[in-house]
N, C-alpha and C. Protein backbone atom coordinates (compact mmCIF):
# COMPACT_ATOMS: atom_id res chain seq x y z
N SER A 1 -8.69 7.34 -27.26
CA SER A 1 -9.72 8.01 -26.48
C SER A 1 -10.38 6.99 -25.55
N ASN A 2 -10.81 7.44 -24.41
CA ASN A 2 -11.44 6.55 -23.44
C ASN A 2 -12.97 6.65 -23.48
N GLY A 3 -13.53 7.26 -24.51
CA GLY A 3 -14.98 7.35 -24.62
C GLY A 3 -15.59 8.31 -23.62
N GLY A 4 -14.80 9.20 -23.07
CA GLY A 4 -15.32 10.16 -22.10
C GLY A 4 -15.43 9.62 -20.69
N TYR A 5 -14.95 8.41 -20.44
CA TYR A 5 -15.03 7.83 -19.10
C TYR A 5 -13.99 8.45 -18.17
N TYR A 6 -14.35 8.58 -16.92
CA TYR A 6 -13.44 9.08 -15.90
C TYR A 6 -13.86 8.51 -14.55
N TRP A 7 -12.92 8.49 -13.61
CA TRP A 7 -13.23 8.05 -12.25
C TRP A 7 -13.74 9.23 -11.46
N SER A 8 -14.96 9.10 -10.93
CA SER A 8 -15.51 10.16 -10.09
C SER A 8 -15.43 9.71 -8.63
N TYR A 9 -15.33 10.66 -7.73
CA TYR A 9 -15.06 10.41 -6.31
C TYR A 9 -16.26 10.90 -5.50
N TRP A 10 -16.80 10.05 -4.61
CA TRP A 10 -18.06 10.31 -3.94
C TRP A 10 -17.96 10.07 -2.43
N SER A 11 -18.92 10.62 -1.69
CA SER A 11 -19.02 10.44 -0.24
C SER A 11 -20.48 10.23 0.13
N ALA A 12 -20.73 9.39 1.14
CA ALA A 12 -22.10 9.16 1.63
C ALA A 12 -22.05 8.96 3.13
N PRO A 13 -23.07 9.48 3.85
CA PRO A 13 -23.12 9.23 5.29
C PRO A 13 -23.50 7.77 5.56
N VAL A 14 -22.95 7.22 6.64
CA VAL A 14 -23.30 5.85 7.04
C VAL A 14 -24.35 5.97 8.14
N ASN A 15 -25.53 5.40 7.89
CA ASN A 15 -26.61 5.43 8.88
C ASN A 15 -26.36 4.38 9.96
N SER A 16 -27.04 4.50 11.09
CA SER A 16 -26.82 3.59 12.22
C SER A 16 -27.16 2.15 11.88
N ASP A 17 -28.04 1.92 10.90
CA ASP A 17 -28.39 0.55 10.51
C ASP A 17 -27.45 -0.03 9.45
N GLY A 18 -26.39 0.71 9.10
CA GLY A 18 -25.42 0.23 8.12
C GLY A 18 -25.74 0.60 6.69
N THR A 19 -26.89 1.22 6.46
CA THR A 19 -27.20 1.67 5.11
C THR A 19 -26.49 2.98 4.85
N LEU A 20 -26.37 3.32 3.59
CA LEU A 20 -25.71 4.56 3.21
C LEU A 20 -26.74 5.58 2.78
N GLY A 21 -26.48 6.83 3.14
CA GLY A 21 -27.34 7.92 2.71
C GLY A 21 -27.05 8.27 1.26
N GLU A 22 -27.50 9.43 0.84
CA GLU A 22 -27.32 9.86 -0.54
C GLU A 22 -25.85 10.17 -0.83
N TRP A 23 -25.38 9.68 -1.96
CA TRP A 23 -24.00 9.93 -2.38
C TRP A 23 -23.85 11.36 -2.85
N THR A 24 -22.76 12.00 -2.45
CA THR A 24 -22.45 13.38 -2.84
C THR A 24 -21.13 13.38 -3.60
N TYR A 25 -21.11 14.06 -4.75
CA TYR A 25 -19.91 14.15 -5.58
C TYR A 25 -18.89 15.05 -4.91
N TYR A 26 -17.67 14.55 -4.76
CA TYR A 26 -16.60 15.38 -4.20
C TYR A 26 -16.14 16.38 -5.26
N GLN A 27 -15.93 17.61 -4.86
CA GLN A 27 -15.42 18.64 -5.76
C GLN A 27 -13.90 18.68 -5.76
N VAL A 28 -13.28 17.88 -4.89
CA VAL A 28 -11.82 17.80 -4.81
C VAL A 28 -11.41 16.33 -4.93
N GLY A 29 -10.14 16.08 -5.14
CA GLY A 29 -9.64 14.72 -5.22
C GLY A 29 -9.37 14.14 -3.85
N PRO A 30 -9.00 12.87 -3.79
CA PRO A 30 -8.78 12.21 -2.50
C PRO A 30 -7.62 12.80 -1.70
N ASP A 31 -6.65 13.41 -2.37
CA ASP A 31 -5.54 14.03 -1.64
C ASP A 31 -5.98 15.25 -0.85
N SER A 32 -7.04 15.91 -1.31
CA SER A 32 -7.50 17.14 -0.67
C SER A 32 -8.75 16.95 0.17
N SER A 33 -9.41 15.80 0.07
CA SER A 33 -10.66 15.59 0.80
C SER A 33 -10.38 15.33 2.28
N LYS A 34 -11.33 15.67 3.10
CA LYS A 34 -11.24 15.43 4.53
C LYS A 34 -12.56 14.77 4.97
N PRO A 35 -12.72 13.46 4.70
CA PRO A 35 -13.97 12.80 5.03
C PRO A 35 -14.23 12.82 6.53
N ALA A 36 -15.47 13.10 6.89
CA ALA A 36 -15.86 13.11 8.29
C ALA A 36 -16.01 11.68 8.79
N SER A 37 -15.84 11.50 10.08
CA SER A 37 -16.05 10.19 10.69
C SER A 37 -17.51 9.79 10.44
N GLY A 38 -17.73 8.53 10.13
CA GLY A 38 -19.09 8.07 9.88
C GLY A 38 -19.54 8.26 8.44
N THR A 39 -18.59 8.44 7.54
CA THR A 39 -18.94 8.55 6.12
C THR A 39 -18.21 7.46 5.34
N ALA A 40 -18.75 7.17 4.18
CA ALA A 40 -18.12 6.21 3.27
C ALA A 40 -17.62 6.97 2.05
N GLU A 41 -16.55 6.48 1.46
CA GLU A 41 -16.03 7.07 0.23
C GLU A 41 -16.18 6.03 -0.88
N GLY A 42 -16.46 6.50 -2.08
CA GLY A 42 -16.63 5.57 -3.19
C GLY A 42 -16.13 6.15 -4.49
N TRP A 43 -15.84 5.25 -5.42
CA TRP A 43 -15.38 5.63 -6.75
C TRP A 43 -16.36 5.08 -7.77
N LEU A 44 -16.59 5.83 -8.83
CA LEU A 44 -17.50 5.40 -9.89
C LEU A 44 -16.87 5.74 -11.23
N LEU A 45 -16.71 4.72 -12.08
CA LEU A 45 -16.24 4.94 -13.44
C LEU A 45 -17.46 5.30 -14.28
N THR A 46 -17.46 6.49 -14.82
CA THR A 46 -18.65 6.97 -15.54
C THR A 46 -18.25 7.85 -16.71
N ASN A 47 -19.19 8.01 -17.62
CA ASN A 47 -19.03 9.01 -18.68
C ASN A 47 -20.25 9.92 -18.69
N GLU A 48 -21.03 9.85 -17.62
CA GLU A 48 -22.23 10.67 -17.49
C GLU A 48 -21.92 11.95 -16.72
N GLN A 49 -22.49 13.04 -17.17
CA GLN A 49 -22.33 14.30 -16.44
C GLN A 49 -23.21 14.33 -15.20
N ASP A 50 -24.34 13.60 -15.22
CA ASP A 50 -25.29 13.62 -14.10
C ASP A 50 -25.32 12.29 -13.37
N ALA A 51 -24.17 11.72 -13.09
CA ALA A 51 -24.11 10.44 -12.37
C ALA A 51 -24.65 10.63 -10.96
N THR A 52 -25.22 9.56 -10.40
CA THR A 52 -25.82 9.66 -9.07
C THR A 52 -24.97 9.00 -7.99
N GLY A 53 -23.78 8.57 -8.31
CA GLY A 53 -22.91 7.98 -7.31
C GLY A 53 -22.86 6.47 -7.43
N PRO A 54 -22.01 5.84 -6.63
CA PRO A 54 -21.88 4.38 -6.66
C PRO A 54 -23.20 3.70 -6.32
N ALA A 55 -23.38 2.48 -6.80
CA ALA A 55 -24.64 1.75 -6.58
C ALA A 55 -24.72 1.13 -5.18
N LEU A 56 -23.64 1.09 -4.45
CA LEU A 56 -23.63 0.49 -3.11
C LEU A 56 -24.53 1.29 -2.18
N ASN A 57 -25.48 0.59 -1.50
CA ASN A 57 -26.35 1.31 -0.57
C ASN A 57 -26.33 0.73 0.84
N THR A 58 -25.58 -0.36 1.06
CA THR A 58 -25.37 -0.89 2.40
C THR A 58 -23.92 -1.32 2.54
N LEU A 59 -23.41 -1.25 3.74
CA LEU A 59 -22.03 -1.67 3.99
C LEU A 59 -21.99 -3.18 4.19
N PRO A 60 -20.87 -3.81 3.89
CA PRO A 60 -20.72 -5.24 4.16
C PRO A 60 -20.85 -5.51 5.66
N GLU A 61 -21.13 -6.76 6.01
CA GLU A 61 -21.30 -7.13 7.42
C GLU A 61 -20.08 -6.80 8.26
N ALA A 62 -18.89 -7.15 7.80
CA ALA A 62 -17.67 -6.87 8.56
C ALA A 62 -16.82 -5.89 7.77
N ALA A 63 -16.50 -4.80 8.40
CA ALA A 63 -15.66 -3.80 7.74
C ALA A 63 -14.23 -4.32 7.65
N ALA A 64 -13.55 -3.92 6.61
CA ALA A 64 -12.15 -4.30 6.44
C ALA A 64 -11.31 -3.64 7.52
N SER A 65 -10.25 -4.30 7.92
CA SER A 65 -9.36 -3.78 8.95
C SER A 65 -7.99 -3.49 8.34
N ALA A 66 -7.38 -2.42 8.79
CA ALA A 66 -6.05 -2.07 8.29
C ALA A 66 -4.99 -3.01 8.85
N SER A 67 -5.27 -3.62 9.99
CA SER A 67 -4.30 -4.54 10.57
C SER A 67 -5.05 -5.77 11.06
N PRO A 68 -4.43 -6.93 11.05
CA PRO A 68 -5.10 -8.14 11.51
C PRO A 68 -5.38 -8.08 13.00
N ALA A 69 -6.39 -8.82 13.40
CA ALA A 69 -6.74 -8.87 14.82
C ALA A 69 -5.59 -9.47 15.62
N ALA A 70 -5.44 -9.00 16.83
CA ALA A 70 -4.36 -9.51 17.68
C ALA A 70 -4.63 -10.96 18.04
N THR A 71 -3.62 -11.77 18.00
CA THR A 71 -3.74 -13.17 18.38
C THR A 71 -2.62 -13.50 19.35
N ALA A 72 -2.87 -14.50 20.16
CA ALA A 72 -1.83 -14.94 21.09
C ALA A 72 -0.72 -15.60 20.30
N SER A 73 0.48 -15.33 20.66
CA SER A 73 1.60 -15.95 19.95
C SER A 73 2.62 -16.45 20.96
N SER A 74 3.40 -17.39 20.53
CA SER A 74 4.43 -17.91 21.41
C SER A 74 5.60 -16.94 21.43
N PRO A 75 6.33 -16.91 22.53
CA PRO A 75 7.46 -15.98 22.60
C PRO A 75 8.52 -16.32 21.55
N ALA A 76 9.24 -15.33 21.13
CA ALA A 76 10.30 -15.52 20.14
C ALA A 76 11.40 -16.38 20.74
N PRO A 77 11.98 -17.26 19.95
CA PRO A 77 13.06 -18.08 20.50
C PRO A 77 14.27 -17.22 20.85
N ALA A 78 14.98 -17.64 21.86
CA ALA A 78 16.18 -16.91 22.28
C ALA A 78 17.24 -17.01 21.21
N ALA A 79 18.05 -15.99 21.11
CA ALA A 79 19.13 -16.00 20.12
C ALA A 79 20.08 -17.14 20.46
N SER A 80 20.44 -17.89 19.44
CA SER A 80 21.35 -19.02 19.69
C SER A 80 22.78 -18.60 19.38
N SER A 81 23.68 -19.32 19.95
CA SER A 81 25.09 -19.05 19.68
C SER A 81 25.62 -20.13 18.75
N GLY A 82 24.85 -20.44 17.69
CA GLY A 82 25.22 -21.47 16.72
C GLY A 82 26.39 -21.01 15.87
N SER A 83 26.64 -21.75 14.82
CA SER A 83 27.80 -21.44 13.97
C SER A 83 27.56 -20.15 13.19
N PRO A 84 28.61 -19.38 12.97
CA PRO A 84 28.50 -18.10 12.27
C PRO A 84 28.64 -18.26 10.76
N THR A 85 28.03 -19.28 10.18
CA THR A 85 28.18 -19.55 8.75
C THR A 85 27.77 -18.36 7.90
N GLY A 86 26.63 -17.75 8.22
CA GLY A 86 26.16 -16.60 7.44
C GLY A 86 27.14 -15.45 7.46
N LEU A 87 27.72 -15.21 8.62
CA LEU A 87 28.69 -14.12 8.76
C LEU A 87 29.96 -14.42 7.96
N ILE A 88 30.38 -15.65 7.97
CA ILE A 88 31.58 -16.04 7.21
C ILE A 88 31.33 -15.88 5.71
N VAL A 89 30.18 -16.35 5.24
CA VAL A 89 29.85 -16.24 3.82
C VAL A 89 29.79 -14.78 3.39
N ALA A 90 29.17 -13.93 4.22
CA ALA A 90 29.10 -12.51 3.89
C ALA A 90 30.49 -11.88 3.85
N GLY A 91 31.34 -12.25 4.79
CA GLY A 91 32.70 -11.71 4.82
C GLY A 91 33.49 -12.11 3.58
N VAL A 92 33.35 -13.37 3.17
CA VAL A 92 34.05 -13.84 1.97
C VAL A 92 33.53 -13.09 0.74
N ALA A 93 32.22 -12.89 0.65
CA ALA A 93 31.64 -12.18 -0.49
C ALA A 93 32.17 -10.75 -0.57
N VAL A 94 32.26 -10.08 0.57
CA VAL A 94 32.79 -8.71 0.59
C VAL A 94 34.26 -8.70 0.18
N ALA A 95 35.03 -9.66 0.67
CA ALA A 95 36.46 -9.73 0.32
C ALA A 95 36.64 -9.96 -1.17
N VAL A 96 35.86 -10.86 -1.77
CA VAL A 96 35.95 -11.12 -3.21
C VAL A 96 35.58 -9.87 -3.99
N ALA A 97 34.54 -9.17 -3.56
CA ALA A 97 34.13 -7.95 -4.24
C ALA A 97 35.24 -6.89 -4.17
N LEU A 98 35.86 -6.75 -3.02
CA LEU A 98 36.94 -5.77 -2.87
C LEU A 98 38.15 -6.14 -3.72
N LEU A 99 38.49 -7.42 -3.77
CA LEU A 99 39.60 -7.86 -4.61
C LEU A 99 39.30 -7.60 -6.09
N GLY A 100 38.08 -7.86 -6.50
CA GLY A 100 37.70 -7.59 -7.89
C GLY A 100 37.77 -6.12 -8.20
N LEU A 101 37.31 -5.28 -7.28
CA LEU A 101 37.37 -3.83 -7.47
C LEU A 101 38.82 -3.36 -7.53
N GLY A 102 39.68 -3.91 -6.68
CA GLY A 102 41.10 -3.55 -6.69
C GLY A 102 41.76 -3.96 -8.00
N GLY A 103 41.45 -5.16 -8.50
CA GLY A 103 42.00 -5.61 -9.77
C GLY A 103 41.56 -4.73 -10.92
N TRP A 104 40.31 -4.35 -10.92
CA TRP A 104 39.79 -3.46 -11.96
C TRP A 104 40.52 -2.12 -11.90
N TRP A 105 40.71 -1.61 -10.69
CA TRP A 105 41.37 -0.30 -10.51
C TRP A 105 42.80 -0.34 -11.04
N LEU A 106 43.52 -1.43 -10.71
CA LEU A 106 44.91 -1.57 -11.19
C LEU A 106 44.95 -1.69 -12.71
N ALA A 107 44.10 -2.50 -13.29
CA ALA A 107 44.08 -2.69 -14.74
C ALA A 107 43.72 -1.38 -15.44
N ARG A 108 42.85 -0.63 -14.88
CA ARG A 108 42.44 0.65 -15.45
C ARG A 108 43.61 1.63 -15.43
N GLY A 109 44.39 1.61 -14.35
CA GLY A 109 45.54 2.52 -14.21
C GLY A 109 46.66 2.18 -15.18
N ARG A 110 46.84 0.92 -15.52
CA ARG A 110 47.91 0.50 -16.42
C ARG A 110 47.60 0.84 -17.88
N ARG A 111 46.33 0.99 -18.21
CA ARG A 111 45.95 1.29 -19.60
C ARG A 111 46.25 2.73 -19.97
N ARG A 112 46.45 3.58 -19.06
CA ARG A 112 46.66 5.01 -19.34
C ARG A 112 48.01 5.30 -19.83
């Protein structure tokens, strides 16, 4: 038993000063929720029936980003016409695998 604990799902409006308004309990799960722009979502592990939402009441200074900021980068090096060692190794590996499969097939046929 988990002592009655469960993860509850909450939403709060984000005020212009970065503080959060009152947390509201979601009646649906995250797959079905449609949070409005300018709201925060939160999770609270609780065993209380009358929980008041997550304790967070202000947002961090810098919001997390889904992708890193763009930075200048050097152009990709041009494709070289160096030695085809990787291609040769791959070809040999495929040939060995096919020979092994052929040997197995022949040995299997002779046992019948």
